[in-house]
Amino acid sequence: MFSKPEVEYLKTQRLARFGTVATNGQPDVVPVGFEFDGKKYFYVGSHSQDILPRTRKYKNVKAGKNKVAFVVDDLVSVNPWKVRGIKVFGTAEILEHEGIFGPGEYLRITPKVSWAWGIEGLNPKKDKWVLKTEHSC
């Protein structure tokens, strides 16, 4: 699903931004801790299993608004300015998972399309969105 340089990058990251949309159309973006399975799926949970079901992201997905955006990025340098990251459009579902926050409910993100930039090994044009990958389910 993801290239070797992308997987290696994702292994070094633990914080992402997760976007969902409410039933009234209001977008919501929040920072989240995440886990990547090394192949295809991202998992978002909570350190306390009673917190996740109270969050807007969980409620949005539960209400059937399962199209999501997910960004993992970091700032390598400010002088010169160098950023790197991966952006994913996909779908989310609620399921039981034994993950980094322990057993319980998680949001599992299935990528549909992804872009990567600034990641060593991709041979990118400098500071451009360089890779678009269609993901099949």
N, C-alpha and C. Protein backbone atom coordinates (compact mmCIF):
# COMPACT_ATOMS: atom_id res chain seq x y z
N MET A 1 0.82 -1.19 0.00
CA MET A 1 0.00 0.00 0.00
C MET A 1 0.87 1.27 0.00
N PHE A 2 1.70 1.40 1.02
CA PHE A 2 2.60 2.55 1.09
C PHE A 2 4.00 2.11 0.69
N SER A 3 4.76 3.05 0.14
CA SER A 3 6.13 2.73 -0.27
C SER A 3 7.00 2.50 0.96
N LYS A 4 8.16 1.90 0.75
CA LYS A 4 9.09 1.65 1.85
C LYS A 4 9.50 2.96 2.55
N PRO A 5 9.84 4.04 1.81
CA PRO A 5 10.17 5.29 2.50
C PRO A 5 8.99 5.85 3.33
N GLU A 6 7.78 5.69 2.82
CA GLU A 6 6.62 6.17 3.58
C GLU A 6 6.42 5.35 4.86
N VAL A 7 6.53 4.04 4.75
CA VAL A 7 6.38 3.18 5.93
C VAL A 7 7.45 3.50 6.97
N GLU A 8 8.69 3.67 6.53
CA GLU A 8 9.77 4.01 7.45
C GLU A 8 9.48 5.34 8.15
N TYR A 9 8.99 6.31 7.41
CA TYR A 9 8.63 7.60 8.01
C TYR A 9 7.50 7.43 9.03
N LEU A 10 6.45 6.71 8.65
CA LEU A 10 5.31 6.53 9.56
C LEU A 10 5.71 5.83 10.85
N LYS A 11 6.70 4.95 10.79
CA LYS A 11 7.18 4.26 12.00
C LYS A 11 7.80 5.23 13.01
N THR A 12 8.25 6.39 12.54
CA THR A 12 8.91 7.35 13.43
C THR A 12 7.93 8.37 14.02
N GLN A 13 6.68 8.32 13.62
CA GLN A 13 5.71 9.34 14.03
C GLN A 13 4.63 8.75 14.93
N ARG A 14 4.11 9.57 15.83
CA ARG A 14 3.04 9.14 16.73
C ARG A 14 1.88 10.13 16.81
N LEU A 15 2.05 11.30 16.23
CA LEU A 15 1.02 12.33 16.31
C LEU A 15 0.53 12.68 14.91
N ALA A 16 -0.79 12.82 14.77
CA ALA A 16 -1.39 13.15 13.47
C ALA A 16 -2.52 14.13 13.69
N ARG A 17 -3.06 14.64 12.58
CA ARG A 17 -4.26 15.46 12.61
C ARG A 17 -5.34 14.66 11.90
N PHE A 18 -6.52 14.61 12.52
CA PHE A 18 -7.60 13.75 12.05
C PHE A 18 -8.83 14.61 11.81
N GLY A 19 -9.35 14.58 10.58
CA GLY A 19 -10.50 15.40 10.23
C GLY A 19 -11.72 14.56 9.91
N THR A 20 -12.85 14.97 10.52
CA THR A 20 -14.14 14.34 10.25
C THR A 20 -15.14 15.46 9.97
N VAL A 21 -16.34 15.06 9.58
CA VAL A 21 -17.41 16.03 9.32
C VAL A 21 -18.65 15.59 10.09
N ALA A 22 -19.28 16.55 10.78
CA ALA A 22 -20.50 16.27 11.54
C ALA A 22 -21.70 16.16 10.60
N THR A 23 -22.80 15.65 11.11
CA THR A 23 -24.01 15.50 10.30
C THR A 23 -24.55 16.85 9.82
N ASN A 24 -24.22 17.94 10.52
CA ASN A 24 -24.66 19.27 10.08
C ASN A 24 -23.67 19.91 9.10
N GLY A 25 -22.62 19.16 8.71
CA GLY A 25 -21.64 19.64 7.74
C GLY A 25 -20.44 20.34 8.34
N GLN A 26 -20.40 20.51 9.66
CA GLN A 26 -19.29 21.19 10.31
C GLN A 26 -18.04 20.30 10.33
N PRO A 27 -16.95 20.74 9.68
CA PRO A 27 -15.69 19.97 9.76
C PRO A 27 -15.07 20.10 11.15
N ASP A 28 -14.33 19.09 11.53
CA ASP A 28 -13.64 19.09 12.82
C ASP A 28 -12.28 18.43 12.62
N VAL A 29 -11.22 19.09 13.04
CA VAL A 29 -9.86 18.54 12.95
C VAL A 29 -9.26 18.56 14.34
N VAL A 30 -8.67 17.43 14.73
CA VAL A 30 -8.07 17.31 16.05
C VAL A 30 -6.73 16.58 15.97
N PRO A 31 -5.80 16.93 16.86
CA PRO A 31 -4.57 16.14 16.94
C PRO A 31 -4.88 14.82 17.64
N VAL A 32 -4.27 13.75 17.17
CA VAL A 32 -4.51 12.42 17.75
C VAL A 32 -3.22 11.63 17.79
N GLY A 33 -3.13 10.76 18.77
CA GLY A 33 -2.11 9.73 18.76
C GLY A 33 -2.60 8.63 17.84
N PHE A 34 -1.69 7.98 17.14
CA PHE A 34 -2.14 6.95 16.20
C PHE A 34 -1.14 5.80 16.16
N GLU A 35 -1.61 4.75 15.53
CA GLU A 35 -0.81 3.55 15.29
C GLU A 35 -0.98 3.20 13.82
N PHE A 36 0.09 2.79 13.17
CA PHE A 36 0.06 2.34 11.79
C PHE A 36 0.45 0.87 11.77
N ASP A 37 -0.30 0.04 11.05
CA ASP A 37 -0.02 -1.39 11.07
C ASP A 37 1.15 -1.81 10.18
N GLY A 38 1.78 -0.84 9.51
CA GLY A 38 2.93 -1.14 8.67
C GLY A 38 2.58 -1.53 7.25
N LYS A 39 1.29 -1.62 6.96
CA LYS A 39 0.86 -2.02 5.62
C LYS A 39 -0.22 -1.09 5.07
N LYS A 40 -1.34 -0.99 5.80
CA LYS A 40 -2.51 -0.33 5.23
C LYS A 40 -3.26 0.56 6.20
N TYR A 41 -3.54 0.10 7.40
CA TYR A 41 -4.48 0.76 8.28
C TYR A 41 -3.82 1.65 9.33
N PHE A 42 -4.55 2.72 9.67
CA PHE A 42 -4.20 3.58 10.80
C PHE A 42 -5.26 3.37 11.87
N TYR A 43 -4.84 3.39 13.13
CA TYR A 43 -5.77 3.23 14.25
C TYR A 43 -5.66 4.42 15.18
N VAL A 44 -6.81 4.95 15.57
CA VAL A 44 -6.88 6.06 16.51
C VAL A 44 -7.69 5.58 17.70
N GLY A 45 -7.13 5.71 18.88
CA GLY A 45 -7.82 5.29 20.10
C GLY A 45 -7.70 6.36 21.16
N SER A 46 -7.75 5.92 22.40
CA SER A 46 -7.62 6.84 23.53
C SER A 46 -6.98 6.11 24.70
N HIS A 47 -6.24 6.86 25.52
CA HIS A 47 -5.62 6.26 26.70
C HIS A 47 -6.67 5.76 27.69
N SER A 48 -7.86 6.30 27.62
CA SER A 48 -8.95 5.85 28.48
C SER A 48 -10.13 5.48 27.58
N GLN A 49 -10.55 4.24 27.65
CA GLN A 49 -11.58 3.74 26.74
C GLN A 49 -12.93 4.43 26.92
N ASP A 50 -13.15 5.08 28.05
CA ASP A 50 -14.43 5.78 28.21
C ASP A 50 -14.42 7.16 27.56
N ILE A 51 -13.25 7.64 27.13
CA ILE A 51 -13.16 8.97 26.51
C ILE A 51 -13.50 8.93 25.03
N LEU A 52 -12.97 7.96 24.28
CA LEU A 52 -13.16 7.93 22.83
C LEU A 52 -14.63 8.05 22.41
N PRO A 53 -15.57 7.30 23.00
CA PRO A 53 -16.96 7.42 22.56
C PRO A 53 -17.59 8.80 22.82
N ARG A 54 -16.96 9.61 23.64
CA ARG A 54 -17.49 10.96 23.90
C ARG A 54 -16.93 12.01 22.95
N THR A 55 -15.99 11.62 22.09
CA THR A 55 -15.35 12.60 21.22
C THR A 55 -16.18 12.87 19.96
N ARG A 56 -15.98 14.05 19.40
CA ARG A 56 -16.68 14.43 18.18
C ARG A 56 -16.30 13.51 17.02
N LYS A 57 -15.04 13.15 16.91
CA LYS A 57 -14.61 12.28 15.80
C LYS A 57 -15.33 10.94 15.85
N TYR A 58 -15.44 10.37 17.04
CA TYR A 58 -16.13 9.09 17.21
C TYR A 58 -17.61 9.24 16.86
N LYS A 59 -18.23 10.28 17.39
CA LYS A 59 -19.66 10.51 17.14
C LYS A 59 -19.94 10.74 15.66
N ASN A 60 -19.05 11.47 14.98
CA ASN A 60 -19.23 11.71 13.55
C ASN A 60 -19.18 10.40 12.76
N VAL A 61 -18.20 9.56 13.05
CA VAL A 61 -18.08 8.28 12.35
C VAL A 61 -19.27 7.39 12.68
N LYS A 62 -19.64 7.34 13.94
CA LYS A 62 -20.78 6.51 14.36
C LYS A 62 -22.07 6.95 13.67
N ALA A 63 -22.21 8.25 13.40
CA ALA A 63 -23.40 8.78 12.74
C ALA A 63 -23.39 8.55 11.23
N GLY A 64 -22.37 7.86 10.73
CA GLY A 64 -22.31 7.54 9.31
C GLY A 64 -21.48 8.48 8.47
N LYS A 65 -20.88 9.48 9.09
CA LYS A 65 -19.99 10.40 8.38
C LYS A 65 -18.59 9.81 8.42
N ASN A 66 -18.36 8.80 7.60
CA ASN A 66 -17.12 8.04 7.72
C ASN A 66 -16.03 8.47 6.75
N LYS A 67 -16.26 9.47 5.89
CA LYS A 67 -15.17 9.99 5.06
C LYS A 67 -14.30 10.89 5.93
N VAL A 68 -12.99 10.62 5.91
CA VAL A 68 -12.07 11.32 6.80
C VAL A 68 -10.82 11.79 6.07
N ALA A 69 -10.12 12.71 6.69
CA ALA A 69 -8.80 13.14 6.25
C ALA A 69 -7.85 12.92 7.42
N PHE A 70 -6.63 12.57 7.09
CA PHE A 70 -5.64 12.21 8.11
C PHE A 70 -4.28 12.71 7.64
N VAL A 71 -3.59 13.48 8.46
CA VAL A 71 -2.29 14.02 8.08
C VAL A 71 -1.26 13.70 9.16
N VAL A 72 -0.15 13.12 8.74
CA VAL A 72 1.01 12.90 9.59
C VAL A 72 2.11 13.77 9.00
N ASP A 73 2.61 14.71 9.79
CA ASP A 73 3.65 15.59 9.26
C ASP A 73 4.57 16.06 10.38
N ASP A 74 5.71 16.56 9.99
CA ASP A 74 6.62 17.15 10.97
C ASP A 74 7.51 18.17 10.27
N LEU A 75 8.16 18.96 11.08
CA LEU A 75 9.05 20.01 10.61
C LEU A 75 10.47 19.55 10.84
N VAL A 76 11.18 19.29 9.75
CA VAL A 76 12.55 18.80 9.84
C VAL A 76 13.51 19.93 10.18
N SER A 77 13.28 21.10 9.56
CA SER A 77 14.17 22.24 9.74
C SER A 77 13.41 23.53 9.47
N VAL A 78 13.81 24.61 10.16
CA VAL A 78 13.23 25.92 9.87
C VAL A 78 14.17 26.77 9.03
N ASN A 79 15.46 26.41 8.98
CA ASN A 79 16.42 27.16 8.18
C ASN A 79 17.44 26.20 7.58
N PRO A 80 17.19 25.68 6.39
CA PRO A 80 16.10 26.04 5.49
C PRO A 80 14.79 25.37 5.91
N TRP A 81 13.69 25.97 5.46
CA TRP A 81 12.37 25.44 5.77
C TRP A 81 12.20 24.09 5.08
N LYS A 82 11.96 23.03 5.87
CA LYS A 82 11.78 21.69 5.30
C LYS A 82 10.73 20.96 6.10
N VAL A 83 9.65 20.62 5.42
CA VAL A 83 8.58 19.83 6.03
C VAL A 83 8.47 18.50 5.29
N ARG A 84 7.89 17.54 5.97
CA ARG A 84 7.62 16.25 5.33
C ARG A 84 6.34 15.70 5.91
N GLY A 85 5.69 14.87 5.15
CA GLY A 85 4.46 14.30 5.66
C GLY A 85 3.72 13.44 4.67
N ILE A 86 2.60 12.93 5.15
CA ILE A 86 1.69 12.10 4.37
C ILE A 86 0.27 12.54 4.68
N LYS A 87 -0.51 12.75 3.64
CA LYS A 87 -1.92 13.11 3.77
C LYS A 87 -2.74 11.98 3.18
N VAL A 88 -3.80 11.59 3.89
CA VAL A 88 -4.65 10.48 3.48
C VAL A 88 -6.10 10.94 3.44
N PHE A 89 -6.80 10.60 2.37
CA PHE A 89 -8.26 10.65 2.35
C PHE A 89 -8.70 9.20 2.42
N GLY A 90 -9.69 8.92 3.27
CA GLY A 90 -10.15 7.54 3.40
C GLY A 90 -11.45 7.46 4.14
N THR A 91 -11.71 6.28 4.66
CA THR A 91 -12.91 6.04 5.45
C THR A 91 -12.51 5.52 6.82
N ALA A 92 -13.39 5.76 7.78
CA ALA A 92 -13.13 5.29 9.15
C ALA A 92 -14.29 4.42 9.61
N GLU A 93 -13.96 3.47 10.45
CA GLU A 93 -14.96 2.62 11.07
C GLU A 93 -14.57 2.38 12.52
N ILE A 94 -15.55 2.06 13.32
CA ILE A 94 -15.33 1.77 14.73
C ILE A 94 -15.22 0.25 14.88
N LEU A 95 -14.16 -0.19 15.56
CA LEU A 95 -14.02 -1.62 15.80
C LEU A 95 -13.20 -1.88 17.04
N GLU A 96 -13.24 -3.11 17.50
CA GLU A 96 -12.43 -3.55 18.63
C GLU A 96 -11.02 -3.84 18.12
N HIS A 97 -10.04 -3.41 18.91
CA HIS A 97 -8.64 -3.58 18.49
C HIS A 97 -7.76 -3.64 19.73
N GLU A 98 -6.73 -4.44 19.68
CA GLU A 98 -5.72 -4.49 20.74
C GLU A 98 -4.56 -3.64 20.23
N GLY A 99 -4.53 -2.36 20.63
CA GLY A 99 -3.57 -1.44 20.06
C GLY A 99 -2.67 -0.78 21.08
N ILE A 100 -2.05 0.31 20.67
CA ILE A 100 -1.08 1.00 21.51
C ILE A 100 -1.69 1.57 22.79
N PHE A 101 -3.01 1.77 22.80
CA PHE A 101 -3.67 2.27 23.99
C PHE A 101 -4.35 1.14 24.77
N GLY A 102 -4.02 -0.11 24.42
CA GLY A 102 -4.63 -1.26 25.08
C GLY A 102 -5.83 -1.76 24.30
N PRO A 103 -6.55 -2.74 24.84
CA PRO A 103 -7.71 -3.28 24.13
C PRO A 103 -8.90 -2.33 24.25
N GLY A 104 -9.74 -2.35 23.22
CA GLY A 104 -10.96 -1.55 23.26
C GLY A 104 -11.36 -1.06 21.88
N GLU A 105 -12.24 -0.07 21.86
CA GLU A 105 -12.70 0.48 20.60
C GLU A 105 -11.67 1.46 20.03
N TYR A 106 -11.51 1.38 18.73
CA TYR A 106 -10.62 2.27 17.98
C TYR A 106 -11.35 2.72 16.72
N LEU A 107 -10.88 3.80 16.15
CA LEU A 107 -11.29 4.19 14.82
C LEU A 107 -10.22 3.67 13.88
N ARG A 108 -10.62 2.84 12.92
CA ARG A 108 -9.67 2.32 11.93
C ARG A 108 -9.86 3.10 10.64
N ILE A 109 -8.78 3.67 10.15
CA ILE A 109 -8.81 4.46 8.93
C ILE A 109 -8.27 3.59 7.79
N THR A 110 -9.09 3.49 6.74
CA THR A 110 -8.70 2.79 5.52
C THR A 110 -8.39 3.83 4.45
N PRO A 111 -7.13 3.95 4.03
CA PRO A 111 -6.78 4.94 3.01
C PRO A 111 -7.41 4.63 1.66
N LYS A 112 -7.86 5.67 0.98
CA LYS A 112 -8.33 5.56 -0.40
C LYS A 112 -7.35 6.24 -1.35
N VAL A 113 -6.84 7.40 -0.94
CA VAL A 113 -5.86 8.16 -1.72
C VAL A 113 -4.86 8.75 -0.73
N SER A 114 -3.58 8.79 -1.11
CA SER A 114 -2.60 9.42 -0.23
C SER A 114 -1.60 10.22 -1.05
N TRP A 115 -1.04 11.22 -0.38
CA TRP A 115 0.01 12.07 -0.95
C TRP A 115 1.15 12.12 0.05
N ALA A 116 2.37 12.22 -0.44
CA ALA A 116 3.53 12.35 0.45
C ALA A 116 4.44 13.44 -0.09
N TRP A 117 5.16 14.10 0.82
CA TRP A 117 6.09 15.15 0.42
C TRP A 117 7.25 15.20 1.41
N GLY A 118 8.40 15.56 0.88
CA GLY A 118 9.58 15.80 1.71
C GLY A 118 10.18 14.58 2.37
N ILE A 119 9.74 13.39 2.02
CA ILE A 119 10.24 12.18 2.65
C ILE A 119 11.42 11.65 1.85
N GLU A 120 12.54 11.46 2.54
CA GLU A 120 13.75 10.97 1.89
C GLU A 120 13.50 9.62 1.24
N GLY A 121 13.97 9.47 0.02
CA GLY A 121 13.82 8.21 -0.69
C GLY A 121 12.72 8.23 -1.74
N LEU A 122 11.90 9.28 -1.77
CA LEU A 122 10.83 9.36 -2.76
C LEU A 122 11.26 10.07 -4.03
N ASN A 123 12.46 10.68 -4.03
CA ASN A 123 12.94 11.49 -5.14
C ASN A 123 11.96 12.60 -5.50
N PRO A 124 11.53 13.36 -4.50
CA PRO A 124 10.54 14.40 -4.75
C PRO A 124 11.15 15.67 -5.34
N LYS A 125 10.30 16.46 -5.97
CA LYS A 125 10.68 17.83 -6.29
C LYS A 125 10.64 18.56 -4.96
N LYS A 126 11.51 19.47 -4.75
CA LYS A 126 11.65 20.12 -3.45
C LYS A 126 10.34 20.77 -2.99
N ASP A 127 9.91 20.38 -1.78
CA ASP A 127 8.74 20.95 -1.10
C ASP A 127 7.48 20.94 -1.94
N LYS A 128 7.26 19.90 -2.72
CA LYS A 128 6.05 19.76 -3.52
C LYS A 128 5.30 18.52 -3.07
N TRP A 129 3.99 18.52 -3.31
CA TRP A 129 3.21 17.31 -3.13
C TRP A 129 3.59 16.42 -4.30
N VAL A 130 4.26 15.32 -4.03
CA VAL A 130 4.90 14.61 -5.12
C VAL A 130 4.33 13.24 -5.43
N LEU A 131 3.63 12.65 -4.53
CA LEU A 131 3.21 11.28 -4.77
C LEU A 131 1.73 11.14 -4.49
N LYS A 132 1.00 10.70 -5.44
CA LYS A 132 -0.42 10.41 -5.24
C LYS A 132 -0.57 8.92 -5.44
N THR A 133 -1.10 8.25 -4.46
CA THR A 133 -1.25 6.81 -4.52
C THR A 133 -2.71 6.46 -4.32
N GLU A 134 -3.30 5.77 -5.27
CA GLU A 134 -4.66 5.26 -5.12
C GLU A 134 -4.55 3.95 -4.34
N HIS A 135 -5.35 3.81 -3.31
CA HIS A 135 -5.34 2.60 -2.50
C HIS A 135 -6.60 1.81 -2.79
N SER A 136 -6.44 0.50 -2.99
CA SER A 136 -7.60 -0.34 -3.20
C SER A 136 -7.92 -1.04 -1.89
N CYS A 137 -9.19 -1.31 -1.69
CA CYS A 137 -9.61 -1.96 -0.44
C CYS A 137 -9.40 -3.44 -0.49
